[in-house]
Amino acid sequence: MILTDYLINGQQLTGERSSLIVGTTHFTSISPRINSVTVNGRSGVMLPAGPVAFDAPEITLKFITDGPDADTLMHRFYRLCRLASKLTRVERDTVSGWARRMTASAVCTSCQPDGDEIPWDDHRAATAVFQLPDVYWQGEQWQERTLDATGGRLMAGGVKPSTQKYWTRWQGERNASPSLLADFYTFWTGLPNNSPSVLVPLGEGIPEGWLSDAPITTLVLRFGVATGVTISDPVSGTNLMWGGKRDASRPYLFVDVANRKAWTAANADAWSGGTDASNGIDWTTEPLQVWPAIDSGDYRLAIKQTGSADKVTCRFLQSWE
């Protein structure tokens, strides 16, 4: 069972005398945006090429408070609703003990008292509706993966429990150092060497979708000296391309998928921007969308490069429904 709590702008809502009920049964609704057209002499409708886009969903939170400070707590809830810019969802698996946090931009579209309060009573309740403009929940720590020059698996949908009792790895140089034996493996929760790590016993694995289960909308890629790149997603059938001249003084090319921007830089850590090169951005059918595979939940990218065979470093935030 997964226990869930919500925060508004990072502020806790539940406490000794207050509780929260999620009126949307934890999951938001899916509302596809379908712009179809009709053609004379042809039955049915024609759909646009590419994956379907989705409208902003809504989530309903009912806040209940009791006790002598009920009015104070309710005023605080109203204040948070008026100023709401993000919701945070905290989940904990009671079986495995795993926990995760995710955040979504949010705006409160309504907040109504339930109407059954008695002025001299210590019970207060109100229901707030929030719209999530970015559709999906996102992780709070940047992830980093390095792919081969031709692409590969960006992130696994899950890890099946292993029947293998243990595994080994070199303590130092391959074939020239003692090997270590372990019945577990670890992975970073965020950037390598700059975030906590999680230990996973081989026999337990990671449930599918726990690490991410929705389209990734924050992907930024770093290339080497390539003069042309094509990044494709095999699930959505979309891509993003860049081509242009390169300056030897700026050997790194960054491509921001969501914002359809590109820049070059002299430093490998220029993830937030550099010398603009966005005029080289293009795509064929629809701009790149990175979706998890239906069968495995894995995220994969296919990459073609011109003028370089360097590996590609990717940064992104995990994404959930």
Protein backbone atom coordinates (compact mmCIF):
# COMPACT_ATOMS: atom_id res chain seq x y z
CA MET A 1 0.00 0.00 0.00
CA ILE A 2 1.19 3.52 -0.80
CA LEU A 3 0.51 6.33 1.67
CA THR A 4 0.28 9.79 0.12
CA ASP A 5 0.45 13.32 1.47
CA TYR A 6 0.22 16.69 -0.30
CA LEU A 7 1.90 20.04 0.33
CA ILE A 8 1.05 23.48 -1.08
CA ASN A 9 4.09 25.61 -1.90
CA GLY A 10 6.10 23.23 0.28
CA GLN A 11 3.87 23.80 3.32
CA GLN A 12 2.52 20.81 5.25
CA LEU A 13 -1.28 20.55 5.44
CA THR A 14 -1.91 17.58 7.71
CA GLY A 15 -1.22 17.60 11.43
CA GLU A 16 -2.60 16.68 14.83
CA ARG A 17 -5.88 18.54 14.24
CA SER A 18 -6.08 18.65 10.47
CA SER A 19 -6.42 16.06 7.72
CA LEU A 20 -6.63 15.90 3.96
CA ILE A 21 -8.80 13.87 1.62
CA VAL A 22 -7.96 13.58 -2.08
CA GLY A 23 -11.30 13.91 -3.85
CA THR A 24 -9.94 12.74 -7.21
CA THR A 25 -9.16 9.23 -5.88
CA HIS A 26 -5.42 9.97 -6.07
CA PHE A 27 -5.25 9.83 -9.88
CA THR A 28 -6.15 12.77 -12.10
CA SER A 29 -8.31 12.39 -15.20
CA ILE A 30 -6.92 12.04 -18.74
CA SER A 31 -8.34 14.51 -21.26
CA PRO A 32 -6.85 14.12 -24.77
CA ARG A 33 -6.83 17.15 -27.01
CA ILE A 34 -7.94 15.85 -30.41
CA ASN A 35 -8.17 18.25 -33.33
CA SER A 36 -9.79 16.19 -36.06
CA VAL A 37 -10.87 17.29 -39.53
CA THR A 38 -13.41 15.93 -41.98
CA VAL A 39 -12.81 15.36 -45.68
CA ASN A 40 -15.48 15.40 -48.41
CA GLY A 41 -16.27 11.92 -49.67
CA ARG A 42 -14.46 10.20 -46.80
CA SER A 43 -16.15 8.61 -43.80
CA GLY A 44 -14.99 9.38 -40.29
CA VAL A 45 -12.37 11.98 -39.41
CA MET A 46 -8.66 12.48 -39.96
CA LEU A 47 -6.36 12.85 -36.98
CA PRO A 48 -3.16 14.91 -36.89
CA ALA A 49 0.16 13.11 -37.12
CA GLY A 50 2.14 12.45 -33.98
CA PRO A 51 1.17 11.58 -30.39
CA VAL A 52 -1.94 12.97 -28.74
CA ALA A 53 -1.55 16.02 -26.47
CA PHE A 54 -3.42 16.35 -23.19
CA ASP A 55 -5.25 19.19 -21.45
CA ALA A 56 -4.30 20.29 -17.94
CA PRO A 57 -5.89 17.94 -15.39
CA GLU A 58 -7.42 18.90 -12.06
CA ILE A 59 -6.98 17.53 -8.57
CA THR A 60 -9.39 18.08 -5.67
CA LEU A 61 -8.22 18.35 -2.06
CA LYS A 62 -10.62 18.46 0.89
CA PHE A 63 -9.13 20.02 4.02
CA ILE A 64 -10.71 19.17 7.41
CA THR A 65 -9.73 20.63 10.76
CA ASP A 66 -11.05 20.37 14.32
CA GLY A 67 -10.25 21.92 17.66
CA PRO A 68 -9.96 25.37 19.20
CA ASP A 69 -7.61 26.58 16.43
CA ALA A 70 -9.83 25.31 13.57
CA ASP A 71 -10.51 28.82 12.23
CA THR A 72 -6.81 29.70 12.28
CA LEU A 73 -5.89 26.55 10.37
CA MET A 74 -8.67 27.11 7.84
CA HIS A 75 -7.54 30.71 7.24
CA ARG A 76 -4.03 29.35 6.64
CA PHE A 77 -5.42 26.84 4.11
CA TYR A 78 -7.25 29.64 2.28
CA ARG A 79 -4.08 31.72 2.27
CA LEU A 80 -2.10 28.85 0.76
CA CYS A 81 -4.76 28.28 -1.90
CA ARG A 82 -4.69 31.94 -2.97
CA LEU A 83 -0.90 31.90 -3.31
CA ALA A 84 -0.56 28.35 -4.67
CA SER A 85 2.02 27.94 -7.43
CA LYS A 86 2.98 24.29 -6.92
CA LEU A 87 1.77 21.10 -5.27
CA THR A 88 4.09 18.47 -3.86
CA ARG A 89 3.09 14.82 -3.57
CA VAL A 90 4.94 12.62 -1.08
CA GLU A 91 4.48 8.86 -1.37
CA ARG A 92 5.68 6.03 0.84
CA ASP A 93 5.35 2.31 0.10
CA THR A 94 4.46 0.64 3.40
CA VAL A 95 5.75 -2.75 2.20
CA SER A 96 9.19 -1.85 0.83
CA GLY A 97 9.69 1.37 2.79
CA TRP A 98 10.51 3.22 -0.44
CA ALA A 99 9.60 6.91 -0.62
CA ARG A 100 9.50 9.52 -3.39
CA ARG A 101 8.60 13.20 -3.82
CA MET A 102 7.22 14.86 -6.91
CA THR A 103 6.10 18.41 -7.67
CA ALA A 104 3.69 19.93 -10.18
CA SER A 105 2.99 23.56 -11.02
CA ALA A 106 -0.52 24.35 -9.84
CA VAL A 107 -3.12 27.08 -9.61
CA CYS A 108 -6.20 27.03 -7.38
CA THR A 109 -9.33 27.43 -9.52
CA SER A 110 -11.81 27.28 -6.63
CA CYS A 111 -12.00 26.84 -2.87
CA GLN A 112 -15.40 26.35 -1.28
CA PRO A 113 -16.45 25.75 2.35
CA ASP A 114 -18.52 22.62 2.71
CA GLY A 115 -21.43 24.63 4.12
CA ASP A 116 -22.30 22.42 7.07
CA GLU A 117 -20.17 24.20 9.67
CA ILE A 118 -21.73 25.66 12.81
CA PRO A 119 -20.16 28.98 13.89
CA TRP A 120 -19.77 27.92 17.54
CA ASP A 121 -18.51 24.42 16.63
CA ASP A 122 -14.82 23.44 16.35
CA HIS A 123 -15.20 21.68 12.98
CA ARG A 124 -14.25 23.30 9.66
CA ALA A 125 -14.00 21.83 6.15
CA ALA A 126 -13.36 23.20 2.66
CA THR A 127 -12.73 21.72 -0.79
CA ALA A 128 -10.15 23.20 -3.17
CA VAL A 129 -9.68 22.42 -6.85
CA PHE A 130 -6.24 22.82 -8.42
CA GLN A 131 -5.35 22.79 -12.10
CA LEU A 132 -1.96 21.33 -13.09
CA PRO A 133 -0.81 23.38 -16.13
CA ASP A 134 2.18 21.13 -16.92
CA VAL A 135 -0.03 17.99 -16.80
CA TYR A 136 2.56 15.71 -15.17
CA TRP A 137 4.26 15.53 -11.79
CA GLN A 138 8.05 15.93 -11.90
CA GLY A 139 10.88 14.77 -9.68
CA GLU A 140 12.75 17.25 -7.53
CA GLN A 141 16.27 16.08 -8.34
CA TRP A 142 17.93 16.25 -11.75
CA GLN A 143 18.90 12.88 -13.22
CA GLU A 144 21.95 12.38 -15.43
CA ARG A 145 22.59 9.55 -17.90
CA THR A 146 25.39 9.08 -20.43
CA LEU A 147 24.40 7.33 -23.67
CA ASP A 148 26.45 5.96 -26.53
CA ALA A 149 26.85 8.17 -29.58
CA THR A 150 23.91 6.34 -31.19
CA GLY A 151 21.63 6.53 -28.14
CA GLY A 152 20.27 3.79 -25.91
CA ARG A 153 18.19 3.39 -22.78
CA LEU A 154 17.68 6.66 -20.98
CA MET A 155 16.00 5.10 -17.95
CA ALA A 156 14.58 1.70 -17.01
CA GLY A 157 10.88 1.44 -16.30
CA GLY A 158 11.68 -0.92 -13.44
CA VAL A 159 14.04 -3.70 -12.37
CA LYS A 160 12.74 -7.23 -11.98
CA PRO A 161 13.80 -9.20 -8.89
CA SER A 162 16.87 -11.28 -9.62
CA THR A 163 17.35 -14.97 -8.83
CA GLN A 164 21.08 -14.34 -8.80
CA LYS A 165 22.46 -14.63 -5.26
CA TYR A 166 25.19 -12.08 -5.68
CA TRP A 167 27.32 -10.18 -8.18
CA THR A 168 30.91 -8.96 -8.23
CA ARG A 169 32.77 -5.86 -9.38
CA TRP A 170 36.38 -4.80 -9.43
CA GLN A 171 37.56 -2.82 -6.44
CA GLY A 172 39.95 -0.86 -8.63
CA GLU A 173 41.38 -1.41 -12.10
CA ARG A 174 39.75 -4.17 -14.16
CA ASN A 175 41.67 -7.47 -14.03
CA ALA A 176 44.25 -5.86 -11.78
CA SER A 177 42.51 -5.48 -8.42
CA PRO A 178 40.52 -7.56 -5.93
CA SER A 179 36.83 -8.06 -6.68
CA LEU A 180 33.97 -7.29 -4.32
CA LEU A 181 30.95 -9.52 -3.77
CA ALA A 182 27.50 -8.08 -2.98
CA ASP A 183 23.85 -9.19 -2.87
CA PHE A 184 22.60 -5.68 -3.62
CA TYR A 185 23.16 -2.76 -5.96
CA THR A 186 22.89 1.01 -5.51
CA PHE A 187 21.89 3.95 -7.67
CA TRP A 188 21.93 7.72 -7.26
CA THR A 189 18.63 9.47 -6.55
CA GLY A 190 19.89 12.51 -8.45
CA LEU A 191 23.15 13.66 -10.02
CA PRO A 192 26.10 11.23 -9.75
CA ASN A 193 28.35 11.87 -6.74
CA ASN A 194 26.09 14.73 -5.69
CA SER A 195 22.94 13.09 -4.30
CA PRO A 196 21.92 10.33 -1.87
CA SER A 197 22.10 6.73 -3.10
CA VAL A 198 19.52 3.97 -2.69
CA LEU A 199 20.39 0.36 -1.85
CA VAL A 200 18.27 -2.31 -3.54
CA PRO A 201 18.60 -6.03 -2.65
CA LEU A 202 18.94 -8.20 -5.77
CA GLY A 203 15.91 -10.25 -4.78
CA GLU A 204 13.56 -7.27 -4.52
CA GLY A 205 14.04 -5.16 -7.65
CA ILE A 206 12.21 -1.90 -8.43
CA PRO A 207 8.49 -1.89 -9.35
CA GLU A 208 7.68 -0.77 -12.88
CA GLY A 209 6.84 2.93 -12.95
CA TRP A 210 8.29 3.71 -9.55
CA LEU A 211 11.20 5.68 -11.04
CA SER A 212 9.07 7.38 -13.71
CA ASP A 213 5.95 6.52 -15.73
CA ALA A 214 4.95 9.57 -17.80
CA PRO A 215 6.47 11.46 -20.75
CA ILE A 216 9.70 13.26 -19.80
CA THR A 217 9.30 16.97 -20.55
CA THR A 218 12.55 18.42 -19.18
CA LEU A 219 15.24 16.70 -21.26
CA VAL A 220 18.48 18.54 -22.07
CA LEU A 221 21.26 16.79 -24.02
CA ARG A 222 24.96 17.63 -24.23
CA PHE A 223 26.93 16.72 -27.37
CA GLY A 224 30.55 17.14 -28.33
CA VAL A 225 31.76 18.69 -31.59
CA ALA A 226 28.87 17.42 -33.73
CA THR A 227 27.77 19.63 -36.62
CA GLY A 228 24.45 17.85 -36.94
CA VAL A 229 22.30 15.72 -34.59
CA THR A 230 18.95 13.94 -34.79
CA ILE A 231 17.30 12.75 -31.58
CA SER A 232 14.37 10.36 -32.00
CA ASP A 233 11.93 8.64 -29.67
CA PRO A 234 10.83 5.19 -30.96
CA VAL A 235 7.63 5.18 -28.87
CA SER A 236 6.10 8.53 -29.90
CA GLY A 237 7.69 8.56 -33.37
CA THR A 238 8.86 12.15 -32.88
CA ASN A 239 12.27 13.77 -33.27
CA LEU A 240 14.32 16.92 -32.90
CA MET A 241 17.20 17.91 -35.16
CA TRP A 242 19.98 20.45 -35.01
CA GLY A 243 22.53 21.48 -37.61
CA GLY A 244 25.01 24.31 -37.94
CA LYS A 245 28.59 25.50 -37.92
CA ARG A 246 30.75 25.07 -34.83
CA ASP A 247 33.34 27.29 -33.20
CA ALA A 248 36.37 25.39 -31.90
CA SER A 249 36.40 27.58 -28.79
CA ARG A 250 33.00 26.19 -27.79
CA PRO A 251 33.30 22.39 -28.08
CA TYR A 252 30.01 21.56 -26.33
CA LEU A 253 26.52 21.65 -27.85
CA PHE A 254 23.43 21.62 -25.63
CA VAL A 255 19.91 20.90 -26.90
CA ASP A 256 16.89 21.78 -24.73
CA VAL A 257 14.08 19.57 -26.02
CA ALA A 258 11.08 21.14 -24.27
CA ASN A 259 11.95 24.73 -25.17
CA ARG A 260 13.37 23.81 -28.61
CA LYS A 261 16.54 25.73 -27.96
CA ALA A 262 20.22 25.02 -28.51
CA TRP A 263 23.44 26.68 -27.40
CA THR A 264 27.17 26.07 -27.51
CA ALA A 265 29.62 26.58 -24.66
CA ALA A 266 33.26 26.24 -23.69
CA ASN A 267 32.36 24.47 -20.45
CA ALA A 268 30.76 21.05 -20.03
CA ASP A 269 28.56 22.27 -17.16
CA ALA A 270 26.76 25.04 -19.08
CA TRP A 271 23.35 23.37 -18.64
CA SER A 272 21.50 26.65 -18.16
CA GLY A 273 22.66 28.39 -21.34
CA GLY A 274 25.50 29.67 -23.51
CA THR A 275 25.92 31.11 -26.99
CA ASP A 276 22.54 30.74 -28.69
CA ALA A 277 22.34 28.33 -31.63
CA SER A 278 18.59 27.78 -31.71
CA ASN A 279 18.27 28.72 -35.39
CA GLY A 280 19.55 25.23 -36.19
CA ILE A 281 16.60 23.50 -34.50
CA ASP A 282 14.08 21.62 -36.65
CA TRP A 283 11.87 18.50 -36.65
CA THR A 284 9.90 16.40 -39.13
CA THR A 285 6.38 15.51 -37.92
CA GLU A 286 6.07 16.70 -34.31
CA PRO A 287 8.77 18.00 -31.93
CA LEU A 288 10.43 15.35 -29.79
CA GLN A 289 8.39 13.77 -27.00
CA VAL A 290 10.05 11.13 -24.81
CA TRP A 291 7.52 8.48 -23.82
CA PRO A 292 7.90 5.25 -21.80
CA ALA A 293 7.46 2.01 -23.75
CA ILE A 294 4.07 0.33 -23.34
CA ASP A 295 5.52 -3.14 -22.66
CA SER A 296 8.46 -2.39 -20.36
CA GLY A 297 8.12 1.23 -19.26
CA ASP A 298 11.68 1.88 -20.48
CA TYR A 299 12.67 5.24 -21.97
CA ARG A 300 14.94 5.05 -25.02
CA LEU A 301 16.48 7.49 -27.49
CA ALA A 302 17.91 6.92 -30.96
CA ILE A 303 20.62 9.42 -31.90
CA LYS A 304 22.40 10.21 -35.16
CA GLN A 305 25.43 12.52 -35.21
CA THR A 306 27.41 14.18 -37.96
CA GLY A 307 31.01 15.15 -37.29
CA SER A 308 31.28 13.40 -33.92
CA ALA A 309 31.21 9.98 -32.27
CA ASP A 310 31.22 11.32 -28.71
CA LYS A 311 28.93 9.95 -26.04
CA VAL A 312 25.86 12.02 -25.16
CA THR A 313 25.05 13.20 -21.64
CA CYS A 314 21.40 13.71 -20.77
CA ARG A 315 19.81 15.59 -17.88
CA PHE A 316 16.12 15.43 -17.00
CA LEU A 317 13.58 15.26 -14.21
CA GLN A 318 11.55 12.11 -13.66
CA SER A 319 7.89 12.33 -14.60
CA TRP A 320 4.74 10.72 -13.21
CA GLU A 321 1.00 10.67 -13.93
